PDB file of N, CA and C in Angstrom:
ATOM      1  N   MET A   1      65.841  -9.325  -5.248  1.00  0.00           N
ATOM      2  CA  MET A   1      65.399 -10.455  -4.716  1.00  0.00           C
ATOM      3  C   MET A   1      66.357 -11.537  -5.146  1.00  0.00           C
ATOM      4  N   LYS A   2      66.696 -12.538  -4.785  1.00  0.00           N
ATOM      5  CA  LYS A   2      68.090 -12.974  -5.094  1.00  0.00           C
ATOM      6  C   LYS A   2      68.110 -14.320  -6.932  1.00  0.00           C
ATOM      7  N   ASP A   3      69.222 -14.562  -7.123  1.00  0.00           N
ATOM      8  CA  ASP A   3      69.085 -15.177  -8.154  1.00  0.00           C
ATOM      9  C   ASP A   3      69.374 -16.291  -7.672  1.00  0.00           C
ATOM     10  N   LEU A   4      68.265 -17.647  -8.083  1.00  0.00           N
ATOM     11  CA  LEU A   4      68.292 -19.037  -7.684  1.00  0.00           C
ATOM     12  C   LEU A   4      68.456 -19.651  -8.296  1.00  0.00           C
ATOM     13  N   ASN A   5      69.558 -19.463  -9.152  1.00  0.00           N
ATOM     14  CA  ASN A   5      69.615 -20.074 -10.520  1.00  0.00           C
ATOM     15  C   ASN A   5      71.046 -21.103 -10.054  1.00  0.00           C
ATOM     16  N   TYR A   6      70.335 -22.853  -9.456  1.00  0.00           N
ATOM     17  CA  TYR A   6      71.343 -23.777  -9.021  1.00  0.00           C
ATOM     18  C   TYR A   6      71.334 -24.474 -10.053  1.00  0.00           C
ATOM     19  N   ASP A   7      71.296 -25.641 -10.144  1.00  0.00           N
ATOM     20  CA  ASP A   7      71.232 -26.830 -10.828  1.00  0.00           C
ATOM     21  C   ASP A   7      71.945 -27.888 -10.383  1.00  0.00           C
ATOM     22  N   LEU A   8      71.975 -29.144 -10.742  1.00  0.00           N
ATOM     23  CA  LEU A   8      72.414 -30.842  -9.884  1.00  0.00           C
ATOM     24  C   LEU A   8      73.852 -30.559 -10.560  1.00  0.00           C
ATOM     25  N   TYR A   9      74.705 -30.707  -9.158  1.00  0.00           N
ATOM     26  CA  TYR A   9      76.065 -30.660  -9.192  1.00  0.00           C
ATOM     27  C   TYR A   9      76.574 -29.600  -9.172  1.00  0.00           C
ATOM     28  N   ASP A  10      76.124 -28.182  -9.183  1.00  0.00           N
ATOM     29  CA  ASP A  10      76.565 -27.539  -8.962  1.00  0.00           C
ATOM     30  C   ASP A  10      76.984 -27.373  -7.161  1.00  0.00           C
ATOM     31  N   ILE A  11      78.887 -26.644  -7.208  1.00  0.00           N
ATOM     32  CA  ILE A  11      78.943 -25.954  -5.950  1.00  0.00           C
ATOM     33  C   ILE A  11      78.634 -25.025  -5.306  1.00  0.00           C
ATOM     34  N   VAL A  12      77.655 -24.598  -4.046  1.00  0.00           N
ATOM     35  CA  VAL A  12      77.225 -23.617  -3.633  1.00  0.00           C
ATOM     36  C   VAL A  12      77.774 -23.321  -2.309  1.00  0.00           C
ATOM     37  N   GLU A  13      77.616 -21.936  -2.253  1.00  0.00           N
ATOM     38  CA  GLU A  13      78.001 -21.087  -0.363  1.00  0.00           C
ATOM     39  C   GLU A  13      76.509 -21.325   0.381  1.00  0.00           C
ATOM     40  N   LEU A  14      76.263 -21.657   1.154  1.00  0.00           N
ATOM     41  CA  LEU A  14      75.417 -21.205   1.962  1.00  0.00           C
ATOM     42  C   LEU A  14      75.560 -20.625   3.563  1.00  0.00           C
ATOM     43  N   LYS A  15      74.947 -19.542   4.129  1.00  0.00           N
ATOM     44  CA  LYS A  15      75.678 -18.376   4.595  1.00  0.00           C
ATOM     45  C   LYS A  15      75.741 -18.875   5.814  1.00  0.00           C
ATOM     46  N   LYS A  16      75.481 -19.698   6.738  1.00  0.00           N
ATOM     47  CA  LYS A  16      76.100 -20.529   7.507  1.00  0.00           C
ATOM     48  C   LYS A  16      76.741 -21.824   7.956  1.00  0.00           C
ATOM     49  N   PRO A  17      77.903 -22.378   8.098  1.00  0.00           N
ATOM     50  CA  PRO A  17      78.887 -23.433   7.920  1.00  0.00           C
ATOM     51  C   PRO A  17      78.174 -24.447   8.446  1.00  0.00           C
ATOM     52  N   HIS A  18      78.422 -25.278   8.219  1.00  0.00           N
ATOM     53  CA  HIS A  18      78.713 -26.429   8.427  1.00  0.00           C
ATOM     54  C   HIS A  18      79.241 -27.599   9.744  1.00  0.00           C
ATOM     55  N   PRO A  19      78.792 -27.615  10.912  1.00  0.00           N
ATOM     56  CA  PRO A  19      78.967 -27.820  12.417  1.00  0.00           C
ATOM     57  C   PRO A  19      80.059 -28.862  12.247  1.00  0.00           C
ATOM     58  N   CYS A  20      81.009 -29.695  11.068  1.00  0.00           N
ATOM     59  CA  CYS A  20      81.565 -30.093  11.261  1.00  0.00           C
ATOM     60  C   CYS A  20      83.310 -29.614  11.371  1.00  0.00           C
ATOM     61  N   THR A  21      84.362 -30.294  11.705  1.00  0.00           N
ATOM     62  CA  THR A  21      85.335 -29.461  11.863  1.00  0.00           C
ATOM     63  C   THR A  21      86.186 -28.653  11.044  1.00  0.00           C
ATOM     64  N   SER A  22      85.754 -28.816  10.282  1.00  0.00           N
ATOM     65  CA  SER A  22      86.398 -27.908   8.692  1.00  0.00           C
ATOM     66  C   SER A  22      85.229 -26.492   8.574  1.00  0.00           C
ATOM     67  N   HIS A  23      84.316 -26.749   8.805  1.00  0.00           N
ATOM     68  CA  HIS A  23      83.365 -25.596   9.190  1.00  0.00           C
ATOM     69  C   HIS A  23      83.224 -25.392   7.628  1.00  0.00           C
ATOM     70  N   SER A  24      83.138 -25.902   6.535  1.00  0.00           N
ATOM     71  CA  SER A  24      82.610 -25.076   5.485  1.00  0.00           C
ATOM     72  C   SER A  24      81.112 -25.311   5.331  1.00  0.00           C
ATOM     73  N   LYS A  25      81.784 -23.893   4.168  1.00  0.00           N
ATOM     74  CA  LYS A  25      80.251 -23.129   4.056  1.00  0.00           C
ATOM     75  C   LYS A  25      79.728 -23.397   2.175  1.00  0.00           C
ATOM     76  N   GLN A  26      80.453 -24.190   2.241  1.00  0.00           N
ATOM     77  CA  GLN A  26      80.848 -25.113   0.164  1.00  0.00           C
ATOM     78  C   GLN A  26      80.147 -26.540   0.075  1.00  0.00           C
ATOM     79  N   PHE A  27      78.455 -26.397  -0.561  1.00  0.00           N
ATOM     80  CA  PHE A  27      78.470 -27.622  -1.232  1.00  0.00           C
ATOM     81  C   PHE A  27      77.993 -28.195  -2.053  1.00  0.00           C
ATOM     82  N   GLN A  28      77.594 -29.740  -2.421  1.00  0.00           N
ATOM     83  CA  GLN A  28      77.527 -29.906  -3.811  1.00  0.00           C
ATOM     84  C   GLN A  28      76.439 -30.186  -3.948  1.00  0.00           C
ATOM     85  N   ILE A  29      75.019 -30.041  -4.614  1.00  0.00           N
ATOM     86  CA  ILE A  29      74.291 -30.409  -4.967  1.00  0.00           C
ATOM     87  C   ILE A  29      74.262 -32.058  -5.877  1.00  0.00           C
ATOM     88  N   ILE A  30      73.774 -32.888  -4.754  1.00  0.00           N
ATOM     89  CA  ILE A  30      73.203 -34.402  -5.459  1.00  0.00           C
ATOM     90  C   ILE A  30      72.263 -34.853  -6.077  1.00  0.00           C
ATOM     91  N   LYS A  31      71.206 -34.525  -5.302  1.00  0.00           N
ATOM     92  CA  LYS A  31      69.775 -34.766  -5.800  1.00  0.00           C
ATOM     93  C   LYS A  31      68.699 -33.185  -5.786  1.00  0.00           C
ATOM     94  N   LEU A  32      68.164 -33.265  -6.940  1.00  0.00           N
ATOM     95  CA  LEU A  32      67.334 -31.890  -6.824  1.00  0.00           C
ATOM     96  C   LEU A  32      65.753 -32.920  -6.383  1.00  0.00           C
ATOM     97  N   GLY A  33      64.792 -31.851  -5.714  1.00  0.00           N
ATOM     98  CA  GLY A  33      63.303 -32.539  -5.852  1.00  0.00           C
ATOM     99  C   GLY A  33      62.661 -31.401  -5.195  1.00  0.00           C
ATOM    100  N   ALA A  34      61.671 -31.898  -4.578  1.00  0.00           N
ATOM    101  CA  ALA A  34      61.284 -31.011  -3.208  1.00  0.00           C
ATOM    102  C   ALA A  34      62.033 -30.968  -2.054  1.00  0.00           C
ATOM    103  N   ASP A  35      62.951 -31.814  -1.888  1.00  0.00           N
ATOM    104  CA  ASP A  35      63.632 -31.997  -0.922  1.00  0.00           C
ATOM    105  C   ASP A  35      65.648 -31.902  -2.043  1.00  0.00           C
ATOM    106  N   LEU A  36      66.263 -31.488  -1.470  1.00  0.00           N
ATOM    107  CA  LEU A  36      67.758 -31.360  -2.154  1.00  0.00           C
ATOM    108  C   LEU A  36      68.506 -31.999  -0.701  1.00  0.00           C
ATOM    109  N   LYS A  37      69.312 -32.975  -1.786  1.00  0.00           N
ATOM    110  CA  LYS A  37      70.425 -32.935  -0.859  1.00  0.00           C
ATOM    111  C   LYS A  37      71.663 -32.944  -1.441  1.00  0.00           C
ATOM    112  N   ILE A  38      72.364 -32.323  -0.637  1.00  0.00           N
ATOM    113  CA  ILE A  38      73.897 -31.776  -0.779  1.00  0.00           C
ATOM    114  C   ILE A  38      74.871 -32.617   0.437  1.00  0.00           C
ATOM    115  N   GLN A  39      76.039 -32.294  -0.540  1.00  0.00           N
ATOM    116  CA  GLN A  39      77.685 -33.149   0.097  1.00  0.00           C
ATOM    117  C   GLN A  39      78.116 -31.747   0.525  1.00  0.00           C
ATOM    118  N   CYS A  40      78.638 -32.248   1.537  1.00  0.00           N
ATOM    119  CA  CYS A  40      79.864 -30.920   2.883  1.00  0.00           C
ATOM    120  C   CYS A  40      80.643 -31.588   1.711  1.00  0.00           C
ATOM    121  N   LEU A  41      81.428 -30.180   1.484  1.00  0.00           N
ATOM    122  CA  LEU A  41      83.185 -30.351   0.691  1.00  0.00           C
ATOM    123  C   LEU A  41      84.192 -30.583   1.392  1.00  0.00           C
ATOM    124  N   GLY A  42      83.940 -29.948   2.793  1.00  0.00           N
ATOM    125  CA  GLY A  42      84.480 -30.053   3.930  1.00  0.00           C
ATOM    126  C   GLY A  42      85.119 -31.329   4.767  1.00  0.00           C
ATOM    127  N   CYS A  43      83.570 -32.152   5.065  1.00  0.00           N
ATOM    128  CA  CYS A  43      83.444 -33.649   5.277  1.00  0.00           C
ATOM    129  C   CYS A  43      83.966 -34.645   4.458  1.00  0.00           C
ATOM    130  N   GLY A  44      82.708 -34.314   3.643  1.00  0.00           N
ATOM    131  CA  GLY A  44      82.030 -35.228   2.810  1.00  0.00           C
ATOM    132  C   GLY A  44      80.355 -35.726   3.084  1.00  0.00           C
ATOM    133  N   ASN A  45      80.061 -35.271   4.138  1.00  0.00           N
ATOM    134  CA  ASN A  45      78.896 -35.542   5.352  1.00  0.00           C
ATOM    135  C   ASN A  45      77.645 -35.287   4.071  1.00  0.00           C
ATOM    136  N   VAL A  46      76.786 -35.821   4.017  1.00  0.00           N
ATOM    137  CA  VAL A  46      75.727 -35.737   2.912  1.00  0.00           C
ATOM    138  C   VAL A  46      74.133 -35.296   3.842  1.00  0.00           C
ATOM    139  N   ILE A  47      73.448 -34.654   3.360  1.00  0.00           N
ATOM    140  CA  ILE A  47      72.825 -34.034   4.116  1.00  0.00           C
ATOM    141  C   ILE A  47      70.989 -33.654   3.259  1.00  0.00           C
ATOM    142  N   LEU A  48      70.490 -34.006   4.138  1.00  0.00           N
ATOM    143  CA  LEU A  48      69.243 -33.642   2.958  1.00  0.00           C
ATOM    144  C   LEU A  48      67.981 -32.681   3.513  1.00  0.00           C
ATOM    145  N   ILE A  49      67.407 -31.354   3.159  1.00  0.00           N
ATOM    146  CA  ILE A  49      67.226 -30.258   3.360  1.00  0.00           C
ATOM    147  C   ILE A  49      66.332 -29.933   2.506  1.00  0.00           C
ATOM    148  N   SER A  50      65.304 -29.455   3.364  1.00  0.00           N
ATOM    149  CA  SER A  50      63.754 -29.176   1.791  1.00  0.00           C
ATOM    150  C   SER A  50      64.516 -27.975   1.424  1.00  0.00           C
ATOM    151  N   ARG A  51      63.308 -27.202  -0.440  1.00  0.00           N
ATOM    152  CA  ARG A  51      63.939 -26.291  -0.247  1.00  0.00           C
ATOM    153  C   ARG A  51      63.724 -25.399  -0.163  1.00  0.00           C
ATOM    154  N   ASP A  52      62.503 -25.089   1.017  1.00  0.00           N
ATOM    155  CA  ASP A  52      62.306 -23.498   0.941  1.00  0.00           C
ATOM    156  C   ASP A  52      63.308 -22.881   2.506  1.00  0.00           C
ATOM    157  N   ILE A  53      64.067 -24.318   3.229  1.00  0.00           N
ATOM    158  CA  ILE A  53      65.346 -23.660   3.670  1.00  0.00           C
ATOM    159  C   ILE A  53      65.842 -23.383   3.040  1.00  0.00           C
ATOM    160  N   PHE A  54      66.421 -24.157   2.214  1.00  0.00           N
ATOM    161  CA  PHE A  54      67.874 -24.153   1.650  1.00  0.00           C
ATOM    162  C   PHE A  54      67.617 -22.772   0.362  1.00  0.00           C
ATOM    163  N   ASN A  55      66.536 -22.555   0.111  1.00  0.00           N
ATOM    164  CA  ASN A  55      66.328 -21.441  -0.790  1.00  0.00           C
ATOM    165  C   ASN A  55      66.851 -20.075   0.198  1.00  0.00           C
ATOM    166  N   THR A  56      66.494 -20.418   1.894  1.00  0.00           N
ATOM    167  CA  THR A  56      66.793 -18.618   2.257  1.00  0.00           C
ATOM    168  C   THR A  56      68.534 -19.129   3.044  1.00  0.00           C
ATOM    169  N   ARG A  57      68.909 -20.166   3.755  1.00  0.00           N
ATOM    170  CA  ARG A  57      70.335 -20.378   3.670  1.00  0.00           C
ATOM    171  C   ARG A  57      71.449 -19.791   2.244  1.00  0.00           C
ATOM    172  N   PHE A  58      70.793 -20.238   0.999  1.00  0.00           N
ATOM    173  CA  PHE A  58      71.139 -19.940   0.028  1.00  0.00           C
ATOM    174  C   PHE A  58      72.687 -18.858  -0.292  1.00  0.00           C
ATOM    175  N   LYS A  59      73.248 -18.897  -0.567  1.00  0.00           N
ATOM    176  CA  LYS A  59      74.166 -17.632  -0.804  1.00  0.00           C
ATOM    177  C   LYS A  59      74.314 -16.787  -2.588  1.00  0.00           C
ATOM    178  N   ARG A  60      75.452 -18.055  -2.756  1.00  0.00           N
ATOM    179  CA  ARG A  60      75.775 -18.023  -4.469  1.00  0.00           C
ATOM    180  C   ARG A  60      76.075 -19.351  -4.686  1.00  0.00           C
ATOM    181  N   VAL A  61      76.576 -19.875  -6.487  1.00  0.00           N
ATOM    182  CA  VAL A  61      76.818 -20.733  -6.819  1.00  0.00           C
ATOM    183  C   VAL A  61      78.192 -20.146  -7.421  1.00  0.00           C
ATOM    184  N   LEU A  62      79.248 -21.192  -6.533  1.00  0.00           N
ATOM    185  CA  LEU A  62      80.660 -21.012  -6.273  1.00  0.00           C
ATOM    186  C   LEU A  62      80.956 -21.095  -7.586  1.00  0.00           C
ATOM    187  N   GLU A  63      80.336 -22.508  -8.691  1.00  0.00           N
ATOM    188  CA  GLU A  63      81.280 -23.252  -9.383  1.00  0.00           C
ATOM    189  C   GLU A  63      80.005 -23.978 -10.425  1.00  0.00           C
ATOM    190  N   HIS A  64      79.658 -24.324 -11.577  1.00  0.00           N
ATOM    191  CA  HIS A  64      79.215 -25.028 -12.209  1.00  0.00           C
ATOM    192  C   HIS A  64      79.677 -26.217 -12.520  1.00  0.00           C
ATOM    193  N   LYS A  65      79.224 -27.896 -12.329  1.00  0.00           N
ATOM    194  CA  LYS A  65      79.910 -29.186 -12.267  1.00  0.00           C
ATOM    195  C   LYS A  65      79.231 -30.004 -13.280  1.00  0.00           C
ATOM    196  N   ASP A  66      79.765 -30.346 -13.846  1.00  0.00           N
ATOM    197  CA  ASP A  66      79.549 -31.326 -14.252  1.00  0.00           C
ATOM    198  C   ASP A  66      79.312 -32.913 -13.797  1.00  0.00           C
ATOM    199  N   CYS A  67      79.928 -33.380 -12.790  1.00  0.00           N
ATOM    200  CA  CYS A  67      80.303 -34.689 -12.512  1.00  0.00           C
ATOM    201  C   CYS A  67      80.364 -34.433 -11.001  1.00  0.00           C
ATOM    202  N   VAL A  68      80.524 -35.470  -9.818  1.00  0.00           N
ATOM    203  CA  VAL A  68      79.658 -35.833  -8.531  1.00  0.00           C
ATOM    204  C   VAL A  68      81.366 -35.923  -8.538  1.00  0.00           C
ATOM    205  N   ILE A  69      81.559 -35.345  -6.968  1.00  0.00           N
ATOM    206  CA  ILE A  69      82.608 -35.635  -6.207  1.00  0.00           C
ATOM    207  C   ILE A  69      82.266 -36.206  -4.905  1.00  0.00           C
ATOM    208  N   TYR A  70      82.759 -37.928  -5.424  1.00  0.00           N
ATOM    209  CA  TYR A  70      83.226 -38.441  -4.227  1.00  0.00           C
ATOM    210  C   TYR A  70      84.497 -38.978  -3.460  1.00  0.00           C
ATOM    211  N   LYS A  71      84.276 -38.585  -2.010  1.00  0.00           N
ATOM    212  CA  LYS A  71      85.254 -38.497  -1.743  1.00  0.00           C
ATOM    213  C   LYS A  71      85.183 -39.956  -0.136  1.00  0.00           C
TER     214      LYS A  71
END
């Protein structure tokens, strides 16, 4: 079983890339709840995703952050 220890403002890596021009797999969590709001670190788009889908696509935590990255 995977270790699902992610928190608010952490930078995480997902299994599949975001379909933007940068094809980034790195996202920052900007809202936690039943749904998660994540921001693509390649293009800056914000995505609302359910926790169940996020947990299946989650790969690992890259960095623990304490502040929000705004582009």
